[in-house]
Protein backbone atom coordinates (compact mmCIF):
# COMPACT_ATOMS: atom_id res chain seq x y z
CA MET A 1 13.39 2.58 46.67
CA ALA A 2 11.99 5.84 49.32
CA LYS A 3 10.76 8.93 47.68
CA LYS A 4 9.34 11.20 49.72
CA ASP A 5 8.32 8.55 53.09
CA GLN A 6 6.79 6.47 50.21
CA MET A 7 8.24 3.04 49.04
CA VAL A 8 8.37 2.63 45.39
CA GLU A 9 8.73 -1.02 44.58
CA GLU A 10 10.75 -1.73 41.85
CA CYS A 11 9.31 -4.40 39.10
CA TYR A 12 12.07 -6.59 37.25
CA CYS A 13 11.08 -8.19 33.31
CA SER A 14 13.10 -11.42 32.38
CA ILE A 15 14.27 -11.15 29.25
CA SER A 16 14.86 -14.64 26.81
CA SER A 17 17.73 -15.01 25.07
CA ASP A 18 15.76 -14.31 21.29
CA ILE A 19 14.58 -10.49 23.11
CA PHE A 20 18.43 -9.96 23.94
CA LYS A 21 19.64 -11.29 20.13
CA PHE A 22 17.96 -8.23 19.09
CA LEU A 23 19.06 -5.70 21.61
CA PRO A 24 21.85 -3.09 20.73
CA LYS A 25 25.26 -4.80 22.17
CA SER A 26 26.80 -1.41 22.05
CA GLY A 27 25.65 1.81 23.38
CA LEU A 28 22.60 -0.18 25.41
CA PRO A 29 21.41 2.69 27.74
CA PHE A 30 20.05 1.00 30.27
CA CYS A 31 21.24 -1.92 31.86
CA LEU A 32 20.53 -5.74 32.14
CA TYR A 33 20.35 -7.17 35.38
CA ARG A 34 21.21 -10.76 36.84
CA MET A 35 18.88 -12.59 39.11
CA ASN A 36 20.75 -14.53 42.05
CA PRO A 37 18.74 -17.67 42.58
CA GLN A 38 19.47 -18.45 45.82
CA THR A 39 18.48 -14.58 47.56
CA GLY A 40 17.10 -12.99 44.44
CA THR A 41 18.71 -10.53 44.72
CA PHE A 42 19.58 -8.16 41.58
CA SER A 43 23.12 -7.03 40.38
CA ALA A 44 24.18 -5.24 37.66
CA ALA A 45 24.94 -7.31 34.78
CA THR A 46 26.08 -4.88 31.50
CA THR A 47 26.99 -1.09 32.37
CA PRO A 48 24.36 1.49 30.13
CA GLY A 49 26.77 2.96 26.73
CA LYS A 50 29.29 0.53 27.26
CA THR A 51 29.63 -2.45 24.84
CA ILE A 52 28.94 -6.09 25.80
CA VAL A 53 32.05 -7.39 25.16
CA SER A 54 32.05 -11.12 23.70
CA THR A 55 32.98 -13.21 26.47
CA ASP A 56 29.46 -11.56 28.17
CA LYS A 57 27.26 -11.99 25.57
CA LYS A 58 28.41 -15.72 25.78
CA ILE A 59 27.34 -15.80 29.45
CA ILE A 60 24.03 -13.59 29.04
CA PHE A 61 23.13 -15.54 26.51
CA LYS A 62 23.23 -18.90 28.33
CA GLU A 63 21.49 -17.14 31.67
CA CYS A 64 18.94 -15.94 29.96
CA ASP A 65 18.03 -19.58 28.60
CA LYS A 66 18.20 -19.86 32.25
CA ASP A 67 15.26 -16.97 33.50
CA LEU A 68 17.73 -15.10 35.13
CA ILE A 69 18.19 -12.12 32.69
CA PHE A 70 16.29 -9.17 33.28
CA ILE A 71 15.32 -5.63 32.87
CA LYS A 72 13.35 -3.08 34.94
CA SER A 73 10.32 -1.91 34.02
CA SER A 74 11.29 1.52 34.57
CA ASP A 75 14.05 1.10 31.54
CA ILE A 76 10.80 -0.40 29.34
CA ALA A 77 10.10 3.47 27.75
CA ASP A 78 14.43 2.88 26.61
CA CYS A 79 13.66 -0.60 25.16
CA ARG A 80 10.36 0.77 23.09
CA PRO A 81 12.16 1.05 19.83
CA TYR A 82 13.86 -2.13 19.77
CA PHE A 83 10.69 -3.98 21.15
CA CYS A 84 8.79 -1.92 18.49
CA ALA A 85 10.71 -3.65 15.67
CA ASN A 86 10.39 -7.02 17.44
CA LEU A 87 6.75 -7.11 18.51
CA GLU A 88 5.98 -11.12 17.77
CA THR A 89 8.72 -12.08 19.82
CA VAL A 90 8.35 -9.68 22.74
CA ILE A 91 4.55 -10.66 22.90
CA SER A 92 5.67 -14.12 22.83
CA ASP A 93 8.05 -13.89 25.38
CA MET A 94 7.58 -10.80 27.48
CA ALA A 95 4.15 -10.05 27.54
CA HIS A 96 3.23 -11.49 30.62
CA SER A 97 5.71 -9.51 32.63
CA ILE A 98 5.41 -6.33 31.21
CA PRO A 99 2.44 -3.70 32.38
CA ASP A 100 -0.41 -3.45 30.28
CA GLU A 101 -0.15 0.44 30.46
CA ASP A 102 3.52 -0.03 28.81
CA MET A 103 2.23 -2.75 26.52
CA ALA A 104 -0.43 -0.82 24.53
CA MET A 105 2.35 1.72 23.94
CA ILE A 106 4.76 -0.67 22.79
CA ILE A 107 1.66 -2.13 20.19
CA VAL A 108 0.58 1.42 19.20
CA GLU A 109 3.69 2.63 18.20
CA ALA A 110 4.91 -0.83 16.48
CA LEU A 111 1.19 -1.14 14.55
CA LYS A 112 2.04 2.99 13.54
CA GLU A 113 5.35 2.20 12.18
CA ALA A 114 4.44 -1.05 10.43
CA SER A 115 1.34 0.89 8.86
CA ASN A 116 3.56 3.97 8.09
CA LYS A 117 6.01 1.29 5.42
CA LEU A 118 2.73 -0.03 4.31
CA PHE A 119 0.68 3.76 3.42
CA LYS A 120 3.97 5.21 2.25
CA ASP A 121 6.67 2.90 0.85
CA SER A 122 5.35 -0.72 -1.10
CA LEU A 123 2.41 -2.25 0.24
CA LYS A 124 3.66 -5.37 -1.89
CA LYS A 125 7.07 -5.00 -0.13
CA ASN A 126 5.31 -4.14 3.41
CA PHE A 127 2.76 -6.37 4.02
CA GLN A 128 3.92 -9.50 5.89
CA HIS A 129 5.30 -7.59 8.45
CA PHE A 130 2.44 -5.34 8.67
CA TYR A 131 0.69 -8.85 9.03
CA SER A 132 2.81 -10.38 11.16
CA THR A 133 2.62 -7.72 13.18
CA LEU A 134 -1.36 -7.31 13.41
CA HIS A 135 -1.50 -10.89 14.27
CA ALA A 136 0.52 -10.50 17.40
CA ALA A 137 -1.34 -7.89 18.40
CA GLY A 138 -4.51 -8.97 18.08
CA GLU A 139 -3.73 -12.44 19.24
CA LEU A 140 -2.66 -10.64 22.70
CA VAL A 141 -5.41 -7.64 22.98
CA HIS A 142 -8.32 -11.01 22.27
CA ASN A 143 -7.19 -12.83 25.19
CA ASN A 144 -6.55 -9.29 27.06
CA PRO A 145 -9.16 -6.96 26.25
CA ASP A 146 -8.80 -4.70 28.81
CA ILE A 147 -5.52 -3.29 27.10
CA ILE A 148 -7.79 -1.68 24.72
CA TRP A 149 -8.42 1.12 27.41
CA TYR A 150 -4.92 2.01 27.93
CA MET A 151 -4.44 1.74 23.86
CA ILE A 152 -7.39 4.56 22.84
CA PRO A 153 -6.21 7.45 24.81
CA LEU A 154 -3.00 7.05 22.82
CA LEU A 155 -4.78 7.61 19.33
CA ASP A 156 -3.07 10.46 17.99
CA LYS A 157 -6.12 12.84 16.49
CA GLN A 158 -3.77 14.34 13.60
CA HIS A 159 -4.90 13.51 10.44
CA SER A 160 -2.79 11.17 8.16
CA LEU A 161 -3.45 7.68 6.31
CA THR A 162 -2.05 5.86 9.01
CA ASN A 163 -3.24 7.59 12.18
CA LYS A 164 -6.88 6.78 10.71
CA SER A 165 -5.74 3.69 10.05
CA ILE A 166 -4.30 3.15 13.63
CA SER A 167 -7.85 4.97 15.23
CA ASN A 168 -10.16 2.31 13.14
CA GLY A 169 -8.27 -0.37 13.90
CA ILE A 170 -8.11 -0.04 17.51
CA ILE A 171 -11.61 1.43 18.14
CA GLY A 172 -13.23 -1.43 16.08
CA ALA A 173 -11.06 -3.71 18.03
CA GLY A 174 -13.40 -2.36 21.23
CA ILE A 175 -16.49 -2.39 19.58
CA CYS A 176 -15.79 -6.16 18.98
CA LEU A 177 -14.35 -7.25 22.63
CA HIS A 178 -16.55 -4.80 24.68
CA GLY A 179 -19.27 -3.27 22.45
CA ARG A 180 -21.46 -6.14 22.28
CA GLU A 181 -22.62 -9.31 23.76
CA GLY A 182 -20.23 -12.62 23.01
CA LYS A 183 -16.94 -12.41 22.78
CA PRO A 184 -15.97 -12.94 19.22
CA ASP A 185 -13.27 -16.01 17.80
CA PHE A 186 -9.83 -15.45 17.14
CA ASN A 187 -10.16 -15.96 13.56
CA SER A 188 -13.51 -13.38 13.72
CA PHE A 189 -11.71 -11.03 15.34
CA MET A 190 -8.67 -10.34 13.17
CA GLU A 191 -10.70 -10.57 9.73
CA SER A 192 -12.48 -7.84 11.21
CA LEU A 193 -9.21 -5.77 12.47
CA ILE A 194 -8.06 -6.65 9.48
CA ALA A 195 -11.05 -4.59 7.56
CA LEU A 196 -10.36 -2.05 9.92
CA PHE A 197 -6.95 -1.45 9.44
CA LEU A 198 -6.62 -1.88 6.10
CA CYS A 199 -10.27 0.32 4.87
CA ASP A 200 -8.12 2.70 3.09
CA VAL A 201 -5.13 1.31 1.97
CA GLY A 202 -6.23 2.07 -1.67
CA MET A 203 -5.79 6.33 -0.87
CA CYS A 204 -2.78 5.44 -0.98
CA CYS A 205 -3.16 5.19 -5.27
CA LEU A 206 -4.41 9.02 -5.08
CA PRO A 207 -1.43 11.74 -5.64
CA ASP A 208 -0.77 13.18 -2.50
CA PHE A 209 -2.40 16.91 -3.95
CA VAL A 210 -5.69 15.22 -4.16
CA LEU A 211 -5.07 13.86 -0.39
CA GLY A 212 -4.29 17.16 0.82
CA LYS A 213 -7.41 19.05 -0.26
CA GLU A 214 -9.94 19.65 1.82
CA PHE A 215 -12.60 21.75 -0.15
CA SER A 216 -12.91 22.25 -3.84
CA LEU A 217 -12.05 18.81 -5.38
CA SER A 218 -12.96 18.31 -9.46
CA VAL A 219 -15.37 16.07 -10.51
CA ASP A 220 -13.04 13.50 -11.31
CA GLU A 221 -11.01 13.81 -7.93
CA GLN A 222 -14.73 13.79 -6.02
CA LYS A 223 -14.77 10.01 -8.83
CA ARG A 224 -11.42 9.17 -7.29
CA ILE A 225 -11.94 9.29 -4.07
CA ARG A 226 -15.26 7.68 -4.10
CA ASN A 227 -13.47 4.73 -6.11
CA HIS A 228 -10.89 4.17 -2.94
CA PRO A 229 -12.54 0.93 -1.46
CA VAL A 230 -12.48 -1.11 -4.85
CA SER A 231 -8.51 0.29 -5.13
CA SER A 232 -8.27 -0.56 -1.29
CA VAL A 233 -9.87 -4.69 -2.47
CA GLU A 234 -8.00 -4.08 -5.54
CA VAL A 235 -4.61 -3.83 -4.11
CA LEU A 236 -4.61 -6.02 -1.18
CA SER A 237 -6.35 -9.13 -4.05
CA ILE A 238 -2.39 -9.60 -4.63
CA THR A 239 -1.50 -10.20 -0.87
CA GLN A 240 -3.96 -13.42 -1.42
CA SER A 241 -3.66 -13.29 2.85
CA LEU A 242 -7.35 -11.75 3.14
CA THR A 243 -10.98 -13.74 3.53
CA ASN A 244 -13.59 -12.83 1.14
CA THR A 245 -15.06 -11.38 4.93
CA SER A 246 -12.69 -8.96 5.27
CA LEU A 247 -12.59 -8.05 1.42
CA ARG A 248 -16.15 -7.17 1.10
CA ALA A 249 -16.13 -5.29 4.38
CA ILE A 250 -13.46 -3.17 2.87
CA LEU A 251 -15.81 -2.45 -0.52
CA GLU A 252 -18.35 -1.91 1.80
CA HIS A 253 -17.00 0.62 4.30
CA HIS A 254 -18.86 3.66 2.67
CA GLU A 255 -22.23 1.68 1.89
CA ARG A 256 -24.85 3.05 3.89
CA MET A 257 -28.01 1.40 4.86
CA ASP A 258 -30.35 3.96 3.03
CA GLY A 259 -28.32 3.11 -0.16
CA SER A 260 -26.92 6.63 -0.38
CA GLY A 261 -23.23 5.45 -0.06
CA TYR A 262 -21.01 4.56 -2.43
CA PRO A 263 -19.35 2.29 -4.29
CA ARG A 264 -22.36 -0.29 -5.12
CA GLY A 265 -25.63 2.12 -3.39
CA VAL A 266 -26.32 -0.90 -1.37
CA THR A 267 -28.87 -0.79 0.85
CA SER A 268 -28.76 -2.19 4.37
CA GLU A 269 -30.02 -5.60 4.51
CA ASN A 270 -27.07 -6.08 1.60
CA ILE A 271 -24.31 -4.40 3.80
CA SER A 272 -22.19 -7.02 6.13
CA TRP A 273 -22.11 -6.68 9.68
CA LEU A 274 -18.57 -5.92 9.65
CA GLY A 275 -18.86 -3.17 6.67
CA LYS A 276 -21.70 -1.21 8.81
CA LEU A 277 -18.84 -1.73 11.63
CA CYS A 278 -15.85 -0.06 9.34
CA GLY A 279 -18.39 2.64 7.93
CA ALA A 280 -19.71 3.66 11.17
CA VAL A 281 -15.63 3.59 13.01
CA ASP A 282 -14.39 5.05 10.18
CA SER A 283 -17.01 8.10 9.91
CA PHE A 284 -16.41 8.52 13.76
CA VAL A 285 -12.80 8.75 13.82
CA ALA A 286 -12.92 11.06 10.31
CA MET A 287 -15.30 13.61 12.43
CA THR A 288 -12.84 13.59 15.26
CA MET A 289 -9.86 13.92 13.70
CA ILE A 290 -7.72 17.39 12.93
CA ARG A 291 -7.14 18.43 9.32
CA PRO A 292 -6.27 21.72 8.18
CA GLY A 293 -9.19 24.11 7.66
CA LYS A 294 -11.64 21.70 9.60
CA LYS A 295 -12.49 22.14 12.83
CA CYS A 296 -12.36 18.37 14.54
CA MET A 297 -15.48 16.96 16.46
CA THR A 298 -15.87 16.62 19.82
CA THR A 299 -16.26 12.38 20.77
CA VAL A 300 -19.76 13.54 22.02
CA ASP A 301 -21.02 15.73 18.91
CA ALA A 302 -19.94 12.62 16.62
CA LEU A 303 -21.54 10.35 18.48
CA LYS A 304 -24.98 13.16 18.52
CA ALA A 305 -24.52 13.07 14.33
CA LEU A 306 -24.12 9.51 14.13
CA TYR A 307 -27.29 9.33 16.21
CA LYS A 308 -28.96 11.97 14.23
CA GLU A 309 -28.02 10.00 10.86
CA SER A 310 -29.25 6.62 12.18
CA TYR A 311 -31.07 6.11 8.48
CA LEU A 312 -27.06 5.58 7.48
CA TYR A 313 -25.49 3.73 10.48
CA ASP A 314 -26.57 0.75 12.53
CA PRO A 315 -27.59 2.36 15.57
CA ASN A 316 -26.47 -0.63 17.55
CA ILE A 317 -23.07 -0.27 16.36
CA ILE A 318 -23.24 3.61 17.24
CA TYR A 319 -24.36 2.53 20.89
CA ALA A 320 -21.73 0.21 21.00
CA LEU A 321 -19.14 3.11 19.76
CA GLU A 322 -20.54 5.12 22.40
CA LYS A 323 -19.66 2.13 25.22
CA VAL A 324 -15.76 2.18 24.10
CA THR A 325 -14.79 6.04 23.20
CA TYR A 326 -17.94 7.65 25.45
CA ARG A 327 -16.53 6.62 29.45
CA GLU A 328 -16.78 8.60 32.05
């Protein structure tokens, strides 16, 4: 395709029959393309906005299994709502052909949707979908750590439990994969992701009027907020899917090395590394989020504040956090 004297190469991504299954057959806003195996050329297999009739569906379904049906990479944005709802299948069947920048956007949006259901609806009803989505995303990120650099700029700084969960998880994943020497094994990485994403899930037990307050909390409200690590462990225990390592870190994410944290007030030697990681990341994200009536800190100012309070946080974790969040 010629544009202003520059040649732009159009890329195509193959789709499997499992991908084709969940794409709408009526009103599909983009075109599916059929590849000629003899010439390697592409021709339209469907018409945007038109219903794919039963006969064509059967033909396309069979051709998908022969790797002959494709979408243009420029149409991935239109595919995103369908891809986000079926992240496991997309990662399994298409991640190798989708550019990292587009894949990062799909993952972040899919995690946001899954987290939103978890925080705003029923944890018990939505946990398995969230866990499956996170597991698929975690596997891809673990295999391709550089995709993190495309994910971090997509984080939403507007404060909400969902946005905070996503920021905690993705920034924490960056520390695990880029901020330390040696790559963790996948199971350890998943334990970290679970703790990072879900350390504040107990806040869902609080009424909206308490969550919406920034100042003048009553003594009872302060107690209820300080109890949210315990509440998080309690509500997550019913899923029977979390390891003791993840649950312990969730319980510890507001503990501080000098013993001034909560809920137990333990000191550094009694706090796990993952608990310290969750605590540092959670504090950084809270400082840099936009809240009503509160000015958010810049990345630099938040890092300075954490370094200044090195008696509360592990300095090695803060240094790793700096490597991930402050890149010139």
